[in-house]
Amino acid sequence: MNYHDTAQTADMEVTVALGEDFSELRNTVRQICKGFPGEYWRKLDDCSGYPTEFVAALTEAGFLGALIPEEYGGSGLPLRAAAVILEEINANGCSASPAHAQMYIMGTLLRHGNEHQKTTYLPEIAAGRLRLQAFGVTEPNTGSDTTQLKTRAERQGDVYVVNGQKVWTSRALHSDLMLLLARTTPIDQVRTRTEGLSVFLVDLREAKGNGIEIRPIKAMVNHNTTEVFIENLKVPAANLIGEEGKGFRYILDGMNAERILVASECVGDGRWLLNKGVAYANERRVFGRPIGQNQGIQFPLARAYAELEAADMMCRRAAALFQAGRPCGPDANIAKLLASEATWKAADTTFQTHGGFAFAQEYDVERKWREVRLYQTAPISTNMVLAYVAQHVLGLPRSY
């Protein structure tokens, strides 16, 4: 099947598709998801397990190599197609989070890696023989203030010696490779705080037990997240991505794609939740009539639907601008903001609609309710998006 759309280039008119775009792609995702019902995800929740079988099915279908160019063994699809994949996964009750990072993490390697790095790793990632699912950026004491991170990489001959700690590094125990952001020039020796940070591709198969220790974090949602402790880790200089000291720009370069993809996941989750709420409101009868006949039930559901539709349009617009090579920072951030809030509204409304049954695991509502709360915190918090819009769109003074 050919999933390519008519991608627009920077010198052409930007168009936004309406309705069910990439319908064949959506149908293929739906067929895969049918093999992984709620019971599958509940069992993984119980044991904090990783959905190995589900990720394998996505890999076999070529979805995790969707954004890798065909010359490196991938599908070479546009960003909107990748967003549709993630949206449909969540809209069918599954979870895209165990696999989504590979789509946007590899963008740093693709855009800024040298040809040897790309030919070495991208075909293996596209084929599913290597997993690039871990992204080591966040640290315990710096949080969103990335330029102040403490992990240090010092050049010693043909290797960098790395020391530091990362936290909330999801899937590190289930990834072969990890992108790692570390400071290579002390902050007091650079002109601006964004300088002196570098990106490395770490082979976790070799590093675990040889400079890296990974400890799982028991969390509210089963995202297989971890702490990563790094002590005298030797990373070959050949694994430096791009130029030394320019890593912060490389990371920022991939954030628009990340936000568009995650926003689309939000929309998928919101639609699954809303469908559950509407179905229950129609089926559940109290006082001799369906509870959905009551405005106290139907109005919140109707508002959740309207907000999800608005968020979806913002996701589509951001993806169209991205594909056309146009500036899309405001759109990507706003899409993430609106989608995360619309999805949370759908989750809470559906939870309330189910009443006491929402707490029963067999309905899967409480699982999705927990999962979608994360979107307002990561991979960028609501307040950070608002600060961005205030400063870069409205022209207000920087607040932090």
Protein backbone atom coordinates (compact mmCIF):
# COMPACT_ATOMS: atom_id res chain seq x y z
CA MET A 1 0.00 0.00 0.00
CA ASN A 2 1.10 3.56 -0.68
CA TYR A 3 0.53 5.81 2.29
CA HIS A 4 2.27 8.87 0.85
CA ASP A 5 0.18 11.98 0.59
CA THR A 6 0.71 14.98 -1.64
CA ALA A 7 3.24 16.65 0.63
CA GLN A 8 3.57 20.34 0.08
CA THR A 9 6.95 22.01 -0.31
CA ALA A 10 7.96 25.33 1.16
CA ASP A 11 7.17 27.25 -2.03
CA MET A 12 3.69 25.76 -2.43
CA GLU A 13 0.37 26.48 -0.79
CA VAL A 14 -0.07 24.79 2.58
CA THR A 15 -3.14 22.55 2.62
CA VAL A 16 -4.83 20.84 5.54
CA ALA A 17 -6.72 17.62 4.86
CA LEU A 18 -10.14 17.24 6.46
CA GLY A 19 -11.90 14.05 7.49
CA GLU A 20 -10.25 10.66 7.73
CA ASP A 21 -6.95 11.26 5.97
CA PHE A 22 -4.62 8.29 5.35
CA SER A 23 -7.60 5.95 5.59
CA GLU A 24 -5.68 2.83 4.50
CA LEU A 25 -3.03 3.54 7.09
CA ARG A 26 -5.68 3.99 9.77
CA ASN A 27 -7.34 0.72 8.85
CA THR A 28 -4.05 -1.15 9.10
CA VAL A 29 -3.43 0.27 12.58
CA ARG A 30 -6.94 -0.69 13.66
CA GLN A 31 -6.40 -4.27 12.53
CA ILE A 32 -3.20 -4.52 14.58
CA CYS A 33 -4.86 -3.03 17.65
CA LYS A 34 -7.64 -5.61 17.55
CA GLY A 35 -5.07 -8.17 18.63
CA PHE A 36 -4.25 -6.22 21.80
CA PRO A 37 -7.47 -5.66 23.78
CA GLY A 38 -7.85 -4.04 27.17
CA GLU A 39 -6.98 -7.26 28.98
CA TYR A 40 -3.51 -7.20 27.41
CA TRP A 41 -2.81 -3.70 28.73
CA ARG A 42 -4.29 -4.41 32.17
CA LYS A 43 -1.94 -7.36 32.63
CA LEU A 44 1.03 -5.19 31.72
CA ASP A 45 -0.17 -2.56 34.19
CA ASP A 46 -0.28 -5.18 36.96
CA CYS A 47 3.36 -6.15 36.48
CA SER A 48 4.75 -2.86 35.08
CA GLY A 49 5.54 -4.82 31.93
CA TYR A 50 6.64 -3.64 28.51
CA PRO A 51 4.38 -4.41 25.51
CA THR A 52 7.04 -6.31 23.60
CA GLU A 53 4.54 -8.11 21.37
CA PHE A 54 2.71 -4.91 20.49
CA VAL A 55 5.91 -3.04 19.65
CA ALA A 56 7.02 -6.00 17.53
CA ALA A 57 3.74 -5.87 15.59
CA LEU A 58 4.17 -2.14 14.95
CA THR A 59 7.76 -2.71 13.86
CA GLU A 60 6.80 -5.53 11.51
CA ALA A 61 4.22 -3.25 9.89
CA GLY A 62 6.94 -0.66 9.32
CA PHE A 63 5.34 1.93 11.56
CA LEU A 64 8.36 2.63 13.76
CA GLY A 65 10.38 3.43 10.66
CA ALA A 66 7.63 5.65 9.26
CA LEU A 67 9.71 8.84 9.31
CA ILE A 68 12.99 7.24 8.26
CA PRO A 69 13.67 7.98 4.56
CA GLU A 70 13.38 5.11 2.12
CA GLU A 71 17.08 5.32 1.30
CA TYR A 72 17.77 4.19 4.88
CA GLY A 73 15.17 1.42 4.86
CA GLY A 74 12.23 3.35 6.25
CA SER A 75 8.86 4.31 4.81
CA GLY A 76 9.69 7.99 4.26
CA LEU A 77 6.21 9.11 5.28
CA PRO A 78 5.30 12.71 6.13
CA LEU A 79 4.87 13.79 9.74
CA ARG A 80 1.08 13.82 9.44
CA ALA A 81 1.10 10.14 8.53
CA ALA A 82 3.17 9.35 11.64
CA ALA A 83 0.75 11.43 13.70
CA VAL A 84 -2.15 9.41 12.28
CA ILE A 85 -0.44 6.17 13.33
CA LEU A 86 -0.09 7.34 16.92
CA GLU A 87 -3.58 8.84 17.00
CA GLU A 88 -5.17 5.60 15.80
CA ILE A 89 -3.21 3.46 18.24
CA ASN A 90 -4.63 5.40 21.15
CA ALA A 91 -8.07 5.82 19.59
CA ASN A 92 -8.32 2.03 19.57
CA GLY A 93 -7.56 1.61 23.25
CA CYS A 94 -3.88 0.77 22.93
CA SER A 95 -0.92 2.87 24.01
CA ALA A 96 1.50 4.53 21.60
CA SER A 97 3.85 5.74 24.32
CA PRO A 98 6.02 2.58 24.45
CA ALA A 99 7.00 3.16 20.82
CA HIS A 100 6.42 6.81 19.93
CA ALA A 101 9.81 8.11 21.02
CA GLN A 102 11.58 6.24 18.24
CA MET A 103 9.72 8.36 15.71
CA TYR A 104 10.99 11.69 16.98
CA ILE A 105 14.27 10.73 18.66
CA MET A 106 15.71 9.41 15.43
CA GLY A 107 15.10 12.86 13.88
CA THR A 108 18.17 14.20 15.66
CA LEU A 109 20.28 11.44 14.14
CA LEU A 110 18.69 11.91 10.73
CA ARG A 111 19.08 15.68 10.57
CA HIS A 112 22.39 16.14 12.36
CA GLY A 113 24.26 12.83 12.25
CA ASN A 114 26.99 12.21 9.70
CA GLU A 115 26.50 9.83 6.80
CA HIS A 116 28.38 6.99 8.50
CA GLN A 117 26.15 7.24 11.57
CA LYS A 118 23.00 7.33 9.47
CA THR A 119 23.94 4.37 7.31
CA THR A 120 25.06 2.40 10.37
CA TYR A 121 22.02 2.92 12.57
CA LEU A 122 18.95 4.05 10.61
CA PRO A 123 18.51 0.87 8.52
CA GLU A 124 18.85 -1.25 11.67
CA ILE A 125 16.27 0.91 13.47
CA ALA A 126 13.89 0.78 10.51
CA ALA A 127 14.17 -3.01 10.36
CA GLY A 128 13.54 -3.34 14.09
CA ARG A 129 16.92 -4.90 14.79
CA LEU A 130 17.85 -1.90 16.94
CA ARG A 131 15.61 0.12 19.23
CA LEU A 132 16.23 3.82 19.77
CA GLN A 133 13.60 4.49 22.42
CA ALA A 134 15.48 6.31 25.20
CA PHE A 135 16.18 10.02 25.45
CA GLY A 136 18.45 11.12 28.30
CA VAL A 137 17.78 14.82 28.89
CA THR A 138 15.88 15.52 32.12
CA GLU A 139 17.82 15.59 35.39
CA PRO A 140 16.66 15.47 39.02
CA ASN A 141 17.78 18.97 39.96
CA THR A 142 17.22 20.94 36.76
CA GLY A 143 13.87 19.79 35.32
CA SER A 144 12.81 22.08 32.46
CA ASP A 145 15.89 24.28 32.88
CA THR A 146 17.83 22.10 30.45
CA THR A 147 20.77 24.47 30.00
CA GLN A 148 21.68 23.98 33.66
CA LEU A 149 22.02 20.19 33.43
CA LYS A 150 24.91 18.73 35.41
CA THR A 151 25.85 15.68 33.34
CA ARG A 152 29.37 16.30 32.09
CA ALA A 153 31.22 14.79 29.12
CA GLU A 154 34.99 15.39 28.91
CA ARG A 155 37.00 14.57 25.81
CA GLN A 156 39.91 12.23 26.52
CA GLY A 157 41.58 11.17 23.31
CA ASP A 158 39.14 9.27 21.11
CA VAL A 159 36.46 8.94 23.81
CA TYR A 160 34.30 11.17 25.98
CA VAL A 161 34.11 10.30 29.66
CA VAL A 162 30.62 11.00 30.95
CA ASN A 163 29.40 11.44 34.53
CA GLY A 164 25.97 12.47 35.75
CA GLN A 165 22.41 11.37 36.28
CA LYS A 166 19.18 11.40 34.28
CA VAL A 167 15.62 10.88 35.47
CA TRP A 168 12.28 10.06 33.82
CA THR A 169 14.18 8.37 31.01
CA SER A 170 11.41 6.15 29.73
CA ARG A 171 12.12 2.79 28.08
CA ALA A 172 15.86 2.81 28.84
CA LEU A 173 15.60 -0.82 29.94
CA HIS A 174 13.95 -1.72 26.63
CA SER A 175 16.16 0.24 24.26
CA ASP A 176 19.42 -0.66 22.56
CA LEU A 177 20.44 2.94 22.02
CA MET A 178 19.97 6.20 23.91
CA LEU A 179 20.39 9.79 22.84
CA LEU A 180 22.20 11.58 25.65
CA LEU A 181 22.52 15.32 26.22
CA ALA A 182 25.56 16.36 28.26
CA ARG A 183 27.59 19.49 28.87
CA THR A 184 30.97 19.43 27.12
CA THR A 185 31.98 23.00 27.95
CA PRO A 186 31.43 24.35 31.49
CA ILE A 187 28.65 26.91 31.62
CA ASP A 188 31.00 29.60 32.94
CA GLN A 189 33.11 29.27 29.79
CA VAL A 190 30.39 29.89 27.17
CA ARG A 191 28.86 33.10 25.87
CA THR A 192 25.26 31.94 26.26
CA ARG A 193 23.92 29.17 28.44
CA THR A 194 22.59 27.27 25.41
CA GLU A 195 26.13 26.72 24.15
CA GLY A 196 28.44 23.94 25.27
CA LEU A 197 25.87 21.12 25.28
CA SER A 198 26.41 18.09 23.06
CA VAL A 199 24.40 15.07 21.94
CA PHE A 200 25.77 11.53 21.99
CA LEU A 201 24.44 8.22 20.76
CA VAL A 202 25.04 5.73 23.56
CA ASP A 203 24.98 1.97 22.93
CA LEU A 204 23.16 0.76 26.02
CA ARG A 205 23.97 -2.87 25.25
CA GLU A 206 27.61 -2.11 25.96
CA ALA A 207 27.13 0.66 28.52
CA LYS A 208 24.93 -1.16 31.03
CA GLY A 209 27.24 -2.39 33.75
CA ASN A 210 30.13 -0.48 32.19
CA GLY A 211 29.39 3.05 33.33
CA ILE A 212 25.59 3.06 33.27
CA GLU A 213 23.16 1.74 35.86
CA ILE A 214 19.43 1.90 35.09
CA ARG A 215 16.83 1.73 37.84
CA PRO A 216 13.09 1.54 37.16
CA ILE A 217 10.78 4.13 38.72
CA LYS A 218 7.42 2.89 39.97
CA ALA A 219 4.98 5.50 38.69
CA MET A 220 1.25 6.22 38.36
CA VAL A 221 1.35 5.21 34.70
CA ASN A 222 3.13 2.25 33.16
CA HIS A 223 5.61 4.07 30.94
CA ASN A 224 8.59 1.92 31.93
CA THR A 225 10.39 5.03 33.08
CA THR A 226 13.77 4.97 34.80
CA GLU A 227 16.63 6.77 36.48
CA VAL A 228 19.97 6.51 34.71
CA PHE A 229 23.17 6.78 36.75
CA ILE A 230 26.32 7.49 34.74
CA GLU A 231 29.79 7.05 36.18
CA ASN A 232 32.94 7.26 34.04
CA LEU A 233 31.05 6.07 30.97
CA LYS A 234 33.30 5.99 27.92
CA VAL A 235 31.52 7.04 24.73
CA PRO A 236 33.46 6.90 21.46
CA ALA A 237 34.04 10.34 19.98
CA ALA A 238 32.61 8.89 16.78
CA ASN A 239 29.23 8.75 18.57
CA LEU A 240 29.03 12.53 18.92
CA ILE A 241 26.04 13.74 16.89
CA GLY A 242 26.85 16.84 14.85
CA GLU A 243 29.24 19.41 16.26
CA GLU A 244 30.38 19.58 19.85
CA GLY A 245 28.62 22.30 21.80
CA LYS A 246 25.59 22.63 19.52
CA GLY A 247 23.48 19.91 21.06
CA PHE A 248 20.87 22.20 22.59
CA ARG A 249 19.96 23.52 19.14
CA TYR A 250 19.75 19.95 17.83
CA ILE A 251 17.35 18.99 20.60
CA LEU A 252 15.17 22.06 20.03
CA ASP A 253 15.13 21.26 16.33
CA GLY A 254 13.16 18.08 17.00
CA MET A 255 10.72 19.47 19.54
CA ASN A 256 8.14 20.73 17.06
CA ALA A 257 7.79 17.25 15.58
CA GLU A 258 7.60 15.74 19.07
CA ARG A 259 4.82 18.10 20.13
CA ILE A 260 2.79 17.52 17.00
CA LEU A 261 3.07 13.75 17.38
CA VAL A 262 2.22 13.75 21.08
CA ALA A 263 -0.68 16.15 20.50
CA SER A 264 -2.08 13.67 17.97
CA GLU A 265 -1.74 10.89 20.54
CA CYS A 266 -3.78 13.06 22.90
CA VAL A 267 -6.54 13.39 20.32
CA GLY A 268 -6.59 9.62 19.88
CA ASP A 269 -6.88 9.02 23.61
CA GLY A 270 -9.58 11.68 23.87
CA ARG A 271 -11.63 10.07 21.14
CA TRP A 272 -11.39 6.62 22.73
CA LEU A 273 -12.46 8.03 26.07
CA LEU A 274 -15.28 10.10 24.61
CA ASN A 275 -16.61 7.09 22.69
CA LYS A 276 -16.61 5.08 25.91
CA GLY A 277 -18.47 7.86 27.71
CA VAL A 278 -21.09 8.28 24.98
CA ALA A 279 -21.67 4.53 24.70
CA TYR A 280 -22.12 4.18 28.46
CA ALA A 281 -24.43 7.21 28.58
CA ASN A 282 -26.64 5.56 25.96
CA GLU A 283 -26.60 2.11 27.58
CA ARG A 284 -26.86 2.90 31.26
CA ARG A 285 -30.47 3.28 32.41
CA VAL A 286 -31.39 4.87 35.72
CA PHE A 287 -34.90 5.96 36.76
CA GLY A 288 -36.29 4.29 33.65
CA ARG A 289 -34.28 6.21 31.03
CA PRO A 290 -30.74 6.39 29.64
CA ILE A 291 -28.54 8.70 31.67
CA GLY A 292 -27.43 10.33 28.40
CA GLN A 293 -30.90 11.89 28.15
CA ASN A 294 -29.96 14.17 31.04
CA GLN A 295 -28.33 17.46 30.11
CA GLY A 296 -26.02 17.10 33.09
CA ILE A 297 -24.50 14.10 31.29
CA GLN A 298 -24.82 15.11 27.63
CA PHE A 299 -23.58 18.71 27.86
CA PRO A 300 -20.12 17.84 29.26
CA LEU A 301 -19.78 15.11 26.63
CA ALA A 302 -20.77 17.53 23.88
CA ARG A 303 -18.27 20.10 25.09
CA ALA A 304 -15.51 17.48 25.25
CA TYR A 305 -16.30 16.57 21.63
CA ALA A 306 -16.11 20.20 20.51
CA GLU A 307 -12.78 20.75 22.24
CA LEU A 308 -11.30 17.58 20.74
CA GLU A 309 -12.36 18.65 17.25
CA ALA A 310 -10.68 22.04 17.73
CA ALA A 311 -7.50 20.39 19.01
CA ASP A 312 -7.49 18.00 16.06
CA MET A 313 -7.64 20.89 13.60
CA MET A 314 -4.70 22.55 15.33
CA CYS A 315 -2.73 19.30 15.10
CA ARG A 316 -3.46 19.07 11.38
CA ARG A 317 -2.45 22.67 10.77
CA ALA A 318 0.81 22.29 12.69
CA ALA A 319 1.66 19.12 10.76
CA ALA A 320 0.89 20.79 7.44
CA LEU A 321 3.16 23.73 8.25
CA PHE A 322 5.91 21.36 9.38
CA GLN A 323 5.67 19.34 6.19
CA ALA A 324 5.79 22.50 4.07
CA GLY A 325 8.96 23.67 5.80
CA ARG A 326 7.18 26.68 7.28
CA PRO A 327 7.69 28.03 10.83
CA CYS A 328 5.42 25.99 13.07
CA GLY A 329 6.66 26.54 16.63
CA PRO A 330 3.55 28.39 17.83
CA ASP A 331 1.21 25.93 16.12
CA ALA A 332 3.03 22.87 17.48
CA ASN A 333 3.00 24.23 21.01
CA ILE A 334 -0.63 25.35 20.86
CA ALA A 335 -1.65 21.98 19.41
CA LYS A 336 0.01 20.23 22.35
CA LEU A 337 -1.67 22.59 24.83
CA LEU A 338 -5.18 22.29 23.39
CA ALA A 339 -4.96 18.54 22.81
CA SER A 340 -3.70 17.78 26.32
CA GLU A 341 -6.47 19.83 27.91
CA ALA A 342 -9.22 18.53 25.59
CA THR A 343 -8.17 14.96 26.27
CA TRP A 344 -8.16 15.51 30.01
CA LYS A 345 -11.65 17.01 29.74
CA ALA A 346 -12.81 13.92 27.81
CA ALA A 347 -11.19 11.65 30.39
CA ASP A 348 -12.69 13.34 33.40
CA THR A 349 -16.12 13.61 31.77
CA THR A 350 -16.13 9.94 30.85
CA PHE A 351 -14.94 9.03 34.34
CA GLN A 352 -17.80 11.01 35.85
CA THR A 353 -20.29 9.54 33.39
CA HIS A 354 -19.37 6.00 34.46
CA GLY A 355 -19.89 6.81 38.12
CA GLY A 356 -18.58 4.10 40.42
CA PHE A 357 -17.85 1.76 37.52
CA ALA A 358 -15.09 4.11 36.35
CA PHE A 359 -12.98 2.77 39.21
CA ALA A 360 -13.30 -0.81 37.98
CA GLN A 361 -10.23 -1.82 36.00
CA GLU A 362 -12.20 -3.97 33.58
CA TYR A 363 -13.69 -0.86 31.96
CA ASP A 364 -10.19 0.51 31.17
CA VAL A 365 -11.41 4.04 31.91
CA GLU A 366 -9.28 4.47 35.02
CA ARG A 367 -6.18 3.30 33.12
CA LYS A 368 -6.66 5.82 30.34
CA TRP A 369 -7.64 8.49 32.88
CA ARG A 370 -4.30 8.03 34.60
CA GLU A 371 -2.36 7.95 31.36
CA VAL A 372 -3.79 11.13 29.84
CA ARG A 373 -3.08 13.25 32.91
CA LEU A 374 0.59 13.01 31.98
CA TYR A 375 0.12 15.08 28.82
CA GLN A 376 -0.28 18.31 30.78
CA THR A 377 3.09 17.70 32.43
CA ALA A 378 5.22 16.06 29.74
CA PRO A 379 6.76 16.20 27.21
CA ILE A 380 6.31 19.91 27.93
CA SER A 381 4.20 21.31 30.71
CA THR A 382 1.14 23.47 30.11
CA ASN A 383 2.79 26.45 31.79
CA MET A 384 5.91 26.18 29.63
CA VAL A 385 3.71 26.30 26.53
CA LEU A 386 1.89 29.34 27.86
CA ALA A 387 5.22 31.03 28.62
CA TYR A 388 6.35 30.32 25.05
CA VAL A 389 3.17 31.76 23.54
CA ALA A 390 3.31 34.81 25.80
CA GLN A 391 6.92 35.60 24.86
CA HIS A 392 7.28 34.45 21.26
CA VAL A 393 3.76 35.03 19.92
CA LEU A 394 2.38 37.90 22.02
CA GLY A 395 5.72 39.67 22.47
CA LEU A 396 5.50 39.86 26.25
CA PRO A 397 8.66 39.98 28.41
CA ARG A 398 10.34 36.64 29.15
CA SER A 399 8.97 35.36 32.46
CA TYR A 400 11.78 33.01 33.48
